[in-house]
Amino acid sequence: MEVAIVFMFLFAVIFGIFYLFYSTRNKERLALIEKGVDAKIFMAGERKKRSTLTGRVIVLNLSLLLMGIGLGVFFALLLNTYTELDEEGIYPAMIFFMGGLGLFIGFNLTKKIDDD
């Protein structure tokens, strides 16, 4: 019974967020149209260009994160095999370190893409 309540609450929160987003966006657009602002700002041409760039950035960061996690597991396995370090501490440490390094590299590459 408690699980059903949690899922209903989760659905209500997600629905509320989307409802507020779309209703606020609609009110903002109507206010801009009433003031006589050109409707070209609502066109999807520029938005499509930005969305493809955003998709590429997400894929780049996700791929670097997953590669970092894989390298973290590999390095932790090497350290565990050839040293006397504690297995319970070295695996999470290397996974988080290499995953963070991958995200940092992705951030720097994203800045270079945005500058171009």
C-alpha atoms as a PDB file:
ATOM      1  CA  MET A   1       0.000   0.000   0.000  1.00  0.00           C
ATOM      2  CA  GLU A   2       2.813   2.406   0.844  1.00  0.00           C
ATOM      3  CA  VAL A   3       4.486   1.748  -2.510  1.00  0.00           C
ATOM      4  CA  ALA A   4       1.320   2.765  -4.342  1.00  0.00           C
ATOM      5  CA  ILE A   5       1.156   6.018  -2.389  1.00  0.00           C
ATOM      6  CA  VAL A   6       4.777   6.785  -3.221  1.00  0.00           C
ATOM      7  CA  PHE A   7       4.195   6.188  -6.937  1.00  0.00           C
ATOM      8  CA  MET A   8       1.039   8.299  -6.923  1.00  0.00           C
ATOM      9  CA  PHE A   9       2.906  11.113  -5.183  1.00  0.00           C
ATOM     10  CA  LEU A  10       5.806  10.804  -7.641  1.00  0.00           C
ATOM     11  CA  PHE A  11       3.399  10.965 -10.587  1.00  0.00           C
ATOM     12  CA  ALA A  12       1.667  14.005  -9.085  1.00  0.00           C
ATOM     13  CA  VAL A  13       4.981  15.811  -8.603  1.00  0.00           C
ATOM     14  CA  ILE A  14       6.129  15.101 -12.159  1.00  0.00           C
ATOM     15  CA  PHE A  15       2.747  16.155 -13.555  1.00  0.00           C
ATOM     16  CA  GLY A  16       2.845  19.343 -11.466  1.00  0.00           C
ATOM     17  CA  ILE A  17       6.300  20.270 -12.723  1.00  0.00           C
ATOM     18  CA  PHE A  18       5.314  19.824 -16.361  1.00  0.00           C
ATOM     19  CA  TYR A  19       2.032  21.661 -15.844  1.00  0.00           C
ATOM     20  CA  LEU A  20       3.750  24.647 -14.248  1.00  0.00           C
ATOM     21  CA  PHE A  21       6.418  24.716 -16.942  1.00  0.00           C
ATOM     22  CA  TYR A  22       3.987  24.711 -19.862  1.00  0.00           C
ATOM     23  CA  SER A  23       1.450  27.055 -18.306  1.00  0.00           C
ATOM     24  CA  THR A  24       4.155  29.572 -17.371  1.00  0.00           C
ATOM     25  CA  ARG A  25       5.683  29.358 -20.839  1.00  0.00           C
ATOM     26  CA  ASN A  26       2.283  29.926 -22.428  1.00  0.00           C
ATOM     27  CA  LYS A  27       1.588  32.973 -20.234  1.00  0.00           C
ATOM     28  CA  GLU A  28       5.002  34.416 -21.017  1.00  0.00           C
ATOM     29  CA  ARG A  29       4.483  33.988 -24.754  1.00  0.00           C
ATOM     30  CA  LEU A  30       1.046  35.564 -24.603  1.00  0.00           C
ATOM     31  CA  ALA A  31       2.449  38.544 -22.714  1.00  0.00           C
ATOM     32  CA  LEU A  32       5.189  38.986 -25.312  1.00  0.00           C
ATOM     33  CA  ILE A  33       2.683  38.797 -28.163  1.00  0.00           C
ATOM     34  CA  GLU A  34       0.447  41.384 -26.471  1.00  0.00           C
ATOM     35  CA  LYS A  35       3.405  43.761 -26.247  1.00  0.00           C
ATOM     36  CA  GLY A  36       4.042  43.385 -29.970  1.00  0.00           C
ATOM     37  CA  VAL A  37       7.263  41.399 -29.890  1.00  0.00           C
ATOM     38  CA  ASP A  38       8.114  39.667 -33.161  1.00  0.00           C
ATOM     39  CA  ALA A  39       6.959  36.043 -33.215  1.00  0.00           C
ATOM     40  CA  LYS A  40      10.198  34.840 -34.799  1.00  0.00           C
ATOM     41  CA  ILE A  41      11.606  34.180 -31.345  1.00  0.00           C
ATOM     42  CA  PHE A  42       9.235  31.225 -31.091  1.00  0.00           C
ATOM     43  CA  MET A  43      10.428  29.588 -34.324  1.00  0.00           C
ATOM     44  CA  ALA A  44      12.068  26.193 -34.012  1.00  0.00           C
ATOM     45  CA  GLY A  45      14.958  26.741 -36.456  1.00  0.00           C
ATOM     46  CA  GLU A  46      17.422  28.095 -33.922  1.00  0.00           C
ATOM     47  CA  ARG A  47      16.066  25.751 -31.279  1.00  0.00           C
ATOM     48  CA  LYS A  48      16.737  22.707 -33.454  1.00  0.00           C
ATOM     49  CA  LYS A  49      20.369  23.723 -33.911  1.00  0.00           C
ATOM     50  CA  ARG A  50      20.762  24.131 -30.168  1.00  0.00           C
ATOM     51  CA  SER A  51      19.043  20.822 -29.379  1.00  0.00           C
ATOM     52  CA  THR A  52      21.379  18.859 -31.650  1.00  0.00           C
ATOM     53  CA  LEU A  53      24.357  20.502 -29.951  1.00  0.00           C
ATOM     54  CA  THR A  54      22.861  19.722 -26.542  1.00  0.00           C
ATOM     55  CA  GLY A  55      22.369  16.097 -27.574  1.00  0.00           C
ATOM     56  CA  ARG A  56      25.983  15.843 -28.667  1.00  0.00           C
ATOM     57  CA  VAL A  57      27.183  17.336 -25.395  1.00  0.00           C
ATOM     58  CA  ILE A  58      25.082  14.885 -23.378  1.00  0.00           C
ATOM     59  CA  VAL A  59      26.393  11.928 -25.372  1.00  0.00           C
ATOM     60  CA  LEU A  60      29.973  13.190 -25.015  1.00  0.00           C
ATOM     61  CA  ASN A  61      29.708  13.642 -21.251  1.00  0.00           C
ATOM     62  CA  LEU A  62      27.887  10.346 -20.734  1.00  0.00           C
ATOM     63  CA  SER A  63      30.427   8.418 -22.793  1.00  0.00           C
ATOM     64  CA  LEU A  64      33.354   9.971 -20.933  1.00  0.00           C
ATOM     65  CA  LEU A  65      31.669   9.246 -17.599  1.00  0.00           C
ATOM     66  CA  LEU A  66      31.125   5.595 -18.489  1.00  0.00           C
ATOM     67  CA  MET A  67      34.689   5.245 -19.781  1.00  0.00           C
ATOM     68  CA  GLY A  68      35.939   6.787 -16.558  1.00  0.00           C
ATOM     69  CA  ILE A  69      33.912   4.339 -14.485  1.00  0.00           C
ATOM     70  CA  GLY A  70      35.270   1.431 -16.533  1.00  0.00           C
ATOM     71  CA  LEU A  71      38.835   2.656 -16.089  1.00  0.00           C
ATOM     72  CA  GLY A  72      38.185   3.122 -12.379  1.00  0.00           C
ATOM     73  CA  VAL A  73      37.084  -0.486 -12.002  1.00  0.00           C
ATOM     74  CA  PHE A  74      40.083  -1.657 -14.031  1.00  0.00           C
ATOM     75  CA  PHE A  75      42.605   0.373 -12.018  1.00  0.00           C
ATOM     76  CA  ALA A  76      40.991  -0.720  -8.760  1.00  0.00           C
ATOM     77  CA  LEU A  77      41.315  -4.336  -9.861  1.00  0.00           C
ATOM     78  CA  LEU A  78      44.995  -3.778 -10.672  1.00  0.00           C
ATOM     79  CA  LEU A  79      45.626  -2.075  -7.336  1.00  0.00           C
ATOM     80  CA  ASN A  80      43.749  -4.787  -5.474  1.00  0.00           C
ATOM     81  CA  THR A  81      45.715  -7.536  -7.235  1.00  0.00           C
ATOM     82  CA  TYR A  82      49.225  -6.113  -6.914  1.00  0.00           C
ATOM     83  CA  THR A  83      49.035  -4.238  -3.610  1.00  0.00           C
ATOM     84  CA  GLU A  84      47.734  -4.860  -0.128  1.00  0.00           C
ATOM     85  CA  LEU A  85      45.191  -2.009  -0.251  1.00  0.00           C
ATOM     86  CA  ASP A  86      41.734  -2.596   1.200  1.00  0.00           C
ATOM     87  CA  GLU A  87      39.283  -3.831  -1.431  1.00  0.00           C
ATOM     88  CA  GLU A  88      36.290  -2.129   0.193  1.00  0.00           C
ATOM     89  CA  GLY A  89      37.891   1.286  -0.046  1.00  0.00           C
ATOM     90  CA  ILE A  90      39.817   1.173  -3.294  1.00  0.00           C
ATOM     91  CA  TYR A  91      36.932   0.272  -5.627  1.00  0.00           C
ATOM     92  CA  PRO A  92      34.625   3.200  -4.753  1.00  0.00           C
ATOM     93  CA  ALA A  93      37.580   5.585  -4.570  1.00  0.00           C
ATOM     94  CA  MET A  94      38.864   4.705  -8.030  1.00  0.00           C
ATOM     95  CA  ILE A  95      35.393   4.613  -9.584  1.00  0.00           C
ATOM     96  CA  PHE A  96      34.511   8.068  -8.281  1.00  0.00           C
ATOM     97  CA  PHE A  97      37.939   9.493  -9.075  1.00  0.00           C
ATOM     98  CA  MET A  98      38.017   8.251 -12.664  1.00  0.00           C
ATOM     99  CA  GLY A  99      34.340   9.094 -13.235  1.00  0.00           C
ATOM    100  CA  GLY A 100      34.970  12.627 -11.984  1.00  0.00           C
ATOM    101  CA  LEU A 101      38.044  12.887 -14.193  1.00  0.00           C
ATOM    102  CA  GLY A 102      35.947  11.826 -17.184  1.00  0.00           C
ATOM    103  CA  LEU A 103      33.328  14.475 -16.386  1.00  0.00           C
ATOM    104  CA  PHE A 104      36.047  17.110 -15.987  1.00  0.00           C
ATOM    105  CA  ILE A 105      37.474  16.222 -19.400  1.00  0.00           C
ATOM    106  CA  GLY A 106      33.941  16.330 -20.835  1.00  0.00           C
ATOM    107  CA  PHE A 107      33.410  19.778 -19.326  1.00  0.00           C
ATOM    108  CA  ASN A 108      36.590  21.082 -20.931  1.00  0.00           C
ATOM    109  CA  LEU A 109      35.672  19.560 -24.308  1.00  0.00           C
ATOM    110  CA  THR A 110      32.183  21.076 -24.049  1.00  0.00           C
ATOM    111  CA  LYS A 111      33.702  24.510 -23.477  1.00  0.00           C
ATOM    112  CA  LYS A 112      35.789  24.054 -26.625  1.00  0.00           C
ATOM    113  CA  ILE A 113      32.689  23.028 -28.615  1.00  0.00           C
ATOM    114  CA  ASP A 114      30.735  26.057 -27.360  1.00  0.00           C
ATOM    115  CA  ASP A 115      33.583  28.421 -28.278  1.00  0.00           C
ATOM    116  CA  ASP A 116      33.567  27.222 -31.908  1.00  0.00           C
END
